[in-house]
Amino acid sequence: MAQAGKGRLNYRCPSCFMRDLDIDMFYDPDKKEYYCIRCQYTGTERDVLEKNQMARFRYRFLTKRFGMDEFEKF
């Protein structure tokens, strides 16, 4: 998704992203928190970054190609 200038930076909603939906979050400067208009998730920048790191863990091998010798290690 392209950055549309909604806030300081556009972060993916961790709740939606875990369900394979790529939804940008909006930033509320009064409350100093990010929120998702699709699933009603709200959180601070730190909370959003921590949960997005969990999503990166899920897809860590997305670009790696495995051969038979790698499967024997598991």
PDB file of N, CA and C in Angstrom:
ATOM      1  N   MET A   1       0.824  -1.171   0.000  1.00  0.00           N
ATOM      2  CA  MET A   1       0.000   0.000   0.000  1.00  0.00           C
ATOM      3  C   MET A   1       0.876   1.246   0.000  1.00  0.00           C
ATOM      4  N   ALA A   2       0.479   2.237  -0.719  1.00  0.00           N
ATOM      5  CA  ALA A   2       1.268   3.458  -0.812  1.00  0.00           C
ATOM      6  C   ALA A   2       1.034   4.353   0.395  1.00  0.00           C
ATOM      7  N   GLN A   3       2.055   5.106   0.737  1.00  0.00           N
ATOM      8  CA  GLN A   3       1.931   6.062   1.843  1.00  0.00           C
ATOM      9  C   GLN A   3       1.065   7.223   1.385  1.00  0.00           C
ATOM     10  N   ALA A   4       0.001   7.503   2.088  1.00  0.00           N
ATOM     11  CA  ALA A   4      -0.945   8.537   1.673  1.00  0.00           C
ATOM     12  C   ALA A   4      -0.868   9.779   2.547  1.00  0.00           C
ATOM     13  N   GLY A   5       0.097   9.870   3.435  1.00  0.00           N
ATOM     14  CA  GLY A   5       0.245  11.057   4.257  1.00  0.00           C
ATOM     15  C   GLY A   5      -0.778  11.172   5.372  1.00  0.00           C
ATOM     16  N   LYS A   6      -1.192  10.066   5.935  1.00  0.00           N
ATOM     17  CA  LYS A   6      -2.198  10.088   6.994  1.00  0.00           C
ATOM     18  C   LYS A   6      -1.611  10.464   8.352  1.00  0.00           C
ATOM     19  N   GLY A   7      -0.333  10.265   8.522  1.00  0.00           N
ATOM     20  CA  GLY A   7       0.292  10.535   9.816  1.00  0.00           C
ATOM     21  C   GLY A   7       1.784  10.626   9.635  1.00  0.00           C
ATOM     22  N   ARG A   8       2.507  10.398  10.713  1.00  0.00           N
ATOM     23  CA  ARG A   8       3.964  10.459  10.621  1.00  0.00           C
ATOM     24  C   ARG A   8       4.494   9.374   9.707  1.00  0.00           C
ATOM     25  N   LEU A   9       4.104   8.161   9.966  1.00  0.00           N
ATOM     26  CA  LEU A   9       4.451   7.016   9.132  1.00  0.00           C
ATOM     27  C   LEU A   9       3.228   6.127   9.063  1.00  0.00           C
ATOM     28  N   ASN A  10       3.101   5.430   7.977  1.00  0.00           N
ATOM     29  CA  ASN A  10       1.988   4.488   7.889  1.00  0.00           C
ATOM     30  C   ASN A  10       2.459   3.120   8.359  1.00  0.00           C
ATOM     31  N   TYR A  11       1.780   2.609   9.351  1.00  0.00           N
ATOM     32  CA  TYR A  11       2.049   1.266   9.844  1.00  0.00           C
ATOM     33  C   TYR A  11       0.891   0.371   9.452  1.00  0.00           C
ATOM     34  N   ARG A  12       1.194  -0.903   9.250  1.00  0.00           N
ATOM     35  CA  ARG A  12       0.127  -1.871   9.011  1.00  0.00           C
ATOM     36  C   ARG A  12      -0.548  -2.193  10.335  1.00  0.00           C
ATOM     37  N   CYS A  13      -1.842  -2.409  10.261  1.00  0.00           N
ATOM     38  CA  CYS A  13      -2.570  -2.823  11.451  1.00  0.00           C
ATOM     39  C   CYS A  13      -2.151  -4.255  11.780  1.00  0.00           C
ATOM     40  N   PRO A  14      -1.606  -4.498  12.988  1.00  0.00           N
ATOM     41  CA  PRO A  14      -1.142  -5.844  13.324  1.00  0.00           C
ATOM     42  C   PRO A  14      -2.270  -6.872  13.367  1.00  0.00           C
ATOM     43  N   SER A  15      -3.429  -6.461  13.823  1.00  0.00           N
ATOM     44  CA  SER A  15      -4.547  -7.386  13.916  1.00  0.00           C
ATOM     45  C   SER A  15      -5.019  -7.815  12.529  1.00  0.00           C
ATOM     46  N   CYS A  16      -5.149  -6.858  11.629  1.00  0.00           N
ATOM     47  CA  CYS A  16      -5.564  -7.183  10.255  1.00  0.00           C
ATOM     48  C   CYS A  16      -4.464  -7.932   9.511  1.00  0.00           C
ATOM     49  N   PHE A  17      -3.203  -7.552   9.737  1.00  0.00           N
ATOM     50  CA  PHE A  17      -2.105  -8.170   9.013  1.00  0.00           C
ATOM     51  C   PHE A  17      -1.938  -9.639   9.391  1.00  0.00           C
ATOM     52  N   MET A  18      -2.252 -10.003  10.615  1.00  0.00           N
ATOM     53  CA  MET A  18      -2.196 -11.408  11.019  1.00  0.00           C
ATOM     54  C   MET A  18      -3.264 -12.224  10.298  1.00  0.00           C
ATOM     55  N   ARG A  19      -4.294 -11.544   9.801  1.00  0.00           N
ATOM     56  CA  ARG A  19      -5.329 -12.221   9.014  1.00  0.00           C
ATOM     57  C   ARG A  19      -5.125 -11.995   7.518  1.00  0.00           C
ATOM     58  N   ASP A  20      -3.869 -11.643   7.136  1.00  0.00           N
ATOM     59  CA  ASP A  20      -3.474 -11.451   5.739  1.00  0.00           C
ATOM     60  C   ASP A  20      -4.216 -10.314   5.052  1.00  0.00           C
ATOM     61  N   LEU A  21      -4.540  -9.269   5.804  1.00  0.00           N
ATOM     62  CA  LEU A  21      -5.115  -8.054   5.239  1.00  0.00           C
ATOM     63  C   LEU A  21      -4.104  -6.933   5.404  1.00  0.00           C
ATOM     64  N   ASP A  22      -3.864  -6.202   4.347  1.00  0.00           N
ATOM     65  CA  ASP A  22      -2.871  -5.132   4.366  1.00  0.00           C
ATOM     66  C   ASP A  22      -3.585  -3.793   4.535  1.00  0.00           C
ATOM     67  N   ILE A  23      -3.812  -3.396   5.775  1.00  0.00           N
ATOM     68  CA  ILE A  23      -4.562  -2.184   6.085  1.00  0.00           C
ATOM     69  C   ILE A  23      -3.639  -1.193   6.802  1.00  0.00           C
ATOM     70  N   ASP A  24      -3.578   0.043   6.288  1.00  0.00           N
ATOM     71  CA  ASP A  24      -2.808   1.089   6.957  1.00  0.00           C
ATOM     72  C   ASP A  24      -3.567   1.617   8.158  1.00  0.00           C
ATOM     73  N   MET A  25      -2.815   2.056   9.145  1.00  0.00           N
ATOM     74  CA  MET A  25      -3.412   2.637  10.340  1.00  0.00           C
ATOM     75  C   MET A  25      -3.386   4.152  10.238  1.00  0.00           C
ATOM     76  N   PHE A  26      -4.308   4.806  10.905  1.00  0.00           N
ATOM     77  CA  PHE A  26      -4.357   6.252  10.988  1.00  0.00           C
ATOM     78  C   PHE A  26      -3.753   6.683  12.316  1.00  0.00           C
ATOM     79  N   TYR A  27      -3.260   7.899  12.364  1.00  0.00           N
ATOM     80  CA  TYR A  27      -2.648   8.432  13.585  1.00  0.00           C
ATOM     81  C   TYR A  27      -3.523   9.544  14.143  1.00  0.00           C
ATOM     82  N   ASP A  28      -3.813   9.467  15.432  1.00  0.00           N
ATOM     83  CA  ASP A  28      -4.573  10.507  16.122  1.00  0.00           C
ATOM     84  C   ASP A  28      -3.597  11.316  16.972  1.00  0.00           C
ATOM     85  N   PRO A  29      -3.256  12.550  16.564  1.00  0.00           N
ATOM     86  CA  PRO A  29      -2.262  13.326  17.319  1.00  0.00           C
ATOM     87  C   PRO A  29      -2.751  13.757  18.698  1.00  0.00           C
ATOM     88  N   ASP A  30      -4.064  13.883  18.893  1.00  0.00           N
ATOM     89  CA  ASP A  30      -4.584  14.271  20.207  1.00  0.00           C
ATOM     90  C   ASP A  30      -4.354  13.177  21.247  1.00  0.00           C
ATOM     91  N   LYS A  31      -4.634  11.941  20.876  1.00  0.00           N
ATOM     92  CA  LYS A  31      -4.453  10.800  21.781  1.00  0.00           C
ATOM     93  C   LYS A  31      -3.060  10.191  21.683  1.00  0.00           C
ATOM     94  N   LYS A  32      -2.303  10.586  20.647  1.00  0.00           N
ATOM     95  CA  LYS A  32      -0.963  10.053  20.382  1.00  0.00           C
ATOM     96  C   LYS A  32      -0.984   8.531  20.243  1.00  0.00           C
ATOM     97  N   GLU A  33      -1.933   8.056  19.434  1.00  0.00           N
ATOM     98  CA  GLU A  33      -2.035   6.626  19.190  1.00  0.00           C
ATOM     99  C   GLU A  33      -2.495   6.368  17.768  1.00  0.00           C
ATOM    100  N   TYR A  34      -2.226   5.162  17.317  1.00  0.00           N
ATOM    101  CA  TYR A  34      -2.636   4.723  15.989  1.00  0.00           C
ATOM    102  C   TYR A  34      -3.922   3.918  16.117  1.00  0.00           C
ATOM    103  N   TYR A  35      -4.763   3.985  15.066  1.00  0.00           N
ATOM    104  CA  TYR A  35      -6.003   3.215  15.090  1.00  0.00           C
ATOM    105  C   TYR A  35      -6.323   2.700  13.694  1.00  0.00           C
ATOM    106  N   CYS A  36      -7.040   1.597  13.665  1.00  0.00           N
ATOM    107  CA  CYS A  36      -7.462   0.962  12.421  1.00  0.00           C
ATOM    108  C   CYS A  36      -8.960   1.185  12.255  1.00  0.00           C
ATOM    109  N   ILE A  37      -9.364   1.599  11.064  1.00  0.00           N
ATOM    110  CA  ILE A  37     -10.798   1.842  10.850  1.00  0.00           C
ATOM    111  C   ILE A  37     -11.544   0.565  10.467  1.00  0.00           C
ATOM    112  N   ARG A  38     -10.808  -0.501  10.188  1.00  0.00           N
ATOM    113  CA  ARG A  38     -11.469  -1.748   9.809  1.00  0.00           C
ATOM    114  C   ARG A  38     -11.799  -2.628  11.014  1.00  0.00           C
ATOM    115  N   CYS A  39     -10.849  -2.747  11.946  1.00  0.00           N
ATOM    116  CA  CYS A  39     -11.067  -3.688  13.049  1.00  0.00           C
ATOM    117  C   CYS A  39     -11.108  -3.009  14.421  1.00  0.00           C
ATOM    118  N   GLN A  40     -11.004  -1.710  14.479  1.00  0.00           N
ATOM    119  CA  GLN A  40     -11.064  -0.941  15.724  1.00  0.00           C
ATOM    120  C   GLN A  40      -9.876  -1.162  16.652  1.00  0.00           C
ATOM    121  N   TYR A  41      -8.753  -1.628  16.119  1.00  0.00           N
ATOM    122  CA  TYR A  41      -7.531  -1.778  16.912  1.00  0.00           C
ATOM    123  C   TYR A  41      -6.937  -0.395  17.176  1.00  0.00           C
ATOM    124  N   THR A  42      -6.498  -0.150  18.411  1.00  0.00           N
ATOM    125  CA  THR A  42      -5.787   1.077  18.755  1.00  0.00           C
ATOM    126  C   THR A  42      -4.549   0.710  19.543  1.00  0.00           C
ATOM    127  N   GLY A  43      -3.504   1.528  19.395  1.00  0.00           N
ATOM    128  CA  GLY A  43      -2.286   1.267  20.140  1.00  0.00           C
ATOM    129  C   GLY A  43      -1.261   2.359  19.934  1.00  0.00           C
ATOM    130  N   THR A  44      -0.329   2.412  20.852  1.00  0.00           N
ATOM    131  CA  THR A  44       0.760   3.365  20.739  1.00  0.00           C
ATOM    132  C   THR A  44       1.722   2.908  19.649  1.00  0.00           C
ATOM    133  N   GLU A  45       2.648   3.781  19.291  1.00  0.00           N
ATOM    134  CA  GLU A  45       3.613   3.421  18.254  1.00  0.00           C
ATOM    135  C   GLU A  45       4.451   2.223  18.680  1.00  0.00           C
ATOM    136  N   ARG A  46       4.832   2.190  19.930  1.00  0.00           N
ATOM    137  CA  ARG A  46       5.629   1.070  20.437  1.00  0.00           C
ATOM    138  C   ARG A  46       4.853  -0.243  20.365  1.00  0.00           C
ATOM    139  N   ASP A  47       3.589  -0.198  20.757  1.00  0.00           N
ATOM    140  CA  ASP A  47       2.740  -1.391  20.717  1.00  0.00           C
ATOM    141  C   ASP A  47       2.577  -1.898  19.285  1.00  0.00           C
ATOM    142  N   VAL A  48       2.359  -0.987  18.350  1.00  0.00           N
ATOM    143  CA  VAL A  48       2.191  -1.363  16.946  1.00  0.00           C
ATOM    144  C   VAL A  48       3.480  -1.978  16.402  1.00  0.00           C
ATOM    145  N   LEU A  49       4.623  -1.384  16.720  1.00  0.00           N
ATOM    146  CA  LEU A  49       5.901  -1.914  16.236  1.00  0.00           C
ATOM    147  C   LEU A  49       6.194  -3.297  16.805  1.00  0.00           C
ATOM    148  N   GLU A  50       5.879  -3.523  18.081  1.00  0.00           N
ATOM    149  CA  GLU A  50       6.096  -4.843  18.685  1.00  0.00           C
ATOM    150  C   GLU A  50       5.239  -5.904  18.014  1.00  0.00           C
ATOM    151  N   LYS A  51       3.991  -5.585  17.766  1.00  0.00           N
ATOM    152  CA  LYS A  51       3.092  -6.568  17.151  1.00  0.00           C
ATOM    153  C   LYS A  51       3.416  -6.776  15.676  1.00  0.00           C
ATOM    154  N   ASN A  52       3.897  -5.746  14.992  1.00  0.00           N
ATOM    155  CA  ASN A  52       4.321  -5.927  13.605  1.00  0.00           C
ATOM    156  C   ASN A  52       5.585  -6.775  13.524  1.00  0.00           C
ATOM    157  N   GLN A  53       6.413  -6.725  14.561  1.00  0.00           N
ATOM    158  CA  GLN A  53       7.592  -7.591  14.594  1.00  0.00           C
ATOM    159  C   GLN A  53       7.176  -9.057  14.687  1.00  0.00           C
ATOM    160  N   MET A  54       6.099  -9.339  15.400  1.00  0.00           N
ATOM    161  CA  MET A  54       5.579 -10.706  15.462  1.00  0.00           C
ATOM    162  C   MET A  54       5.123 -11.167  14.076  1.00  0.00           C
ATOM    163  N   ALA A  55       4.546 -10.255  13.283  1.00  0.00           N
ATOM    164  CA  ALA A  55       4.120 -10.603  11.925  1.00  0.00           C
ATOM    165  C   ALA A  55       5.334 -10.863  11.041  1.00  0.00           C
ATOM    166  N   ARG A  56       6.407 -10.106  11.236  1.00  0.00           N
ATOM    167  CA  ARG A  56       7.629 -10.353  10.464  1.00  0.00           C
ATOM    168  C   ARG A  56       8.198 -11.729  10.784  1.00  0.00           C
ATOM    169  N   PHE A  57       8.070 -12.170  12.024  1.00  0.00           N
ATOM    170  CA  PHE A  57       8.519 -13.502  12.405  1.00  0.00           C
ATOM    171  C   PHE A  57       7.749 -14.566  11.628  1.00  0.00           C
ATOM    172  N   ARG A  58       6.473 -14.322  11.417  1.00  0.00           N
ATOM    173  CA  ARG A  58       5.634 -15.276  10.690  1.00  0.00           C
ATOM    174  C   ARG A  58       6.107 -15.443   9.249  1.00  0.00           C
ATOM    175  N   TYR A  59       6.566 -14.368   8.625  1.00  0.00           N
ATOM    176  CA  TYR A  59       6.953 -14.398   7.215  1.00  0.00           C
ATOM    177  C   TYR A  59       8.462 -14.369   7.008  1.00  0.00           C
ATOM    178  N   ARG A  60       9.249 -14.769   7.980  1.00  0.00           N
ATOM    179  CA  ARG A  60      10.701 -14.637   7.897  1.00  0.00           C
ATOM    180  C   ARG A  60      11.323 -15.476   6.784  1.00  0.00           C
ATOM    181  N   PHE A  61      10.708 -16.580   6.398  1.00  0.00           N
ATOM    182  CA  PHE A  61      11.258 -17.436   5.348  1.00  0.00           C
ATOM    183  C   PHE A  61      10.502 -17.289   4.023  1.00  0.00           C
ATOM    184  N   LEU A  62       9.782 -16.211   3.847  1.00  0.00           N
ATOM    185  CA  LEU A  62       8.960 -16.043   2.657  1.00  0.00           C
ATOM    186  C   LEU A  62       9.793 -16.032   1.382  1.00  0.00           C
ATOM    187  N   THR A  63      10.966 -15.430   1.396  1.00  0.00           N
ATOM    188  CA  THR A  63      11.778 -15.311   0.189  1.00  0.00           C
ATOM    189  C   THR A  63      12.874 -16.368   0.100  1.00  0.00           C
ATOM    190  N   LYS A  64      12.991 -17.248   1.101  1.00  0.00           N
ATOM    191  CA  LYS A  64      14.035 -18.266   1.083  1.00  0.00           C
ATOM    192  C   LYS A  64      13.521 -19.524   0.394  1.00  0.00           C
ATOM    193  N   ARG A  65      14.340 -20.053  -0.480  1.00  0.00           N
ATOM    194  CA  ARG A  65      14.002 -21.306  -1.163  1.00  0.00           C
ATOM    195  C   ARG A  65      14.698 -22.455  -0.444  1.00  0.00           C
ATOM    196  N   PHE A  66      13.944 -23.463  -0.069  1.00  0.00           N
ATOM    197  CA  PHE A  66      14.476 -24.594   0.666  1.00  0.00           C
ATOM    198  C   PHE A  66      14.701 -25.776  -0.259  1.00  0.00           C
ATOM    199  N   GLY A  67      15.807 -26.468  -0.035  1.00  0.00           N
ATOM    200  CA  GLY A  67      16.087 -27.713  -0.735  1.00  0.00           C
ATOM    201  C   GLY A  67      15.942 -28.866   0.244  1.00  0.00           C
ATOM    202  N   MET A  68      16.186 -30.064  -0.218  1.00  0.00           N
ATOM    203  CA  MET A  68      16.026 -31.235   0.640  1.00  0.00           C
ATOM    204  C   MET A  68      17.016 -31.243   1.792  1.00  0.00           C
ATOM    205  N   ASP A  69      18.216 -30.695   1.604  1.00  0.00           N
ATOM    206  CA  ASP A  69      19.200 -30.706   2.697  1.00  0.00           C
ATOM    207  C   ASP A  69      18.776 -29.793   3.838  1.00  0.00           C
ATOM    208  N   GLU A  70      18.045 -28.706   3.575  1.00  0.00           N
ATOM    209  CA  GLU A  70      17.551 -27.852   4.660  1.00  0.00           C
ATOM    210  C   GLU A  70      16.461 -28.532   5.461  1.00  0.00           C
ATOM    211  N   PHE A  71      15.628 -29.348   4.821  1.00  0.00           N
ATOM    212  CA  PHE A  71      14.560 -30.027   5.541  1.00  0.00           C
ATOM    213  C   PHE A  71      15.087 -31.078   6.492  1.00  0.00           C
ATOM    214  N   GLU A  72      16.228 -31.668   6.188  1.00  0.00           N
ATOM    215  CA  GLU A  72      16.810 -32.684   7.060  1.00  0.00           C
ATOM    216  C   GLU A  72      17.273 -32.076   8.388  1.00  0.00           C
ATOM    217  N   LYS A  73      17.554 -30.756   8.423  1.00  0.00           N
ATOM    218  CA  LYS A  73      17.997 -30.097   9.648  1.00  0.00           C
ATOM    219  C   LYS A  73      16.848 -29.970  10.655  1.00  0.00           C
ATOM    220  N   PHE A  74      15.615 -29.888  10.144  1.00  0.00           N
ATOM    221  CA  PHE A  74      14.481 -29.710  11.047  1.00  0.00           C
ATOM    222  C   PHE A  74      14.084 -31.040  11.545  1.00  0.00           C
TER     223      PHE A  74
END
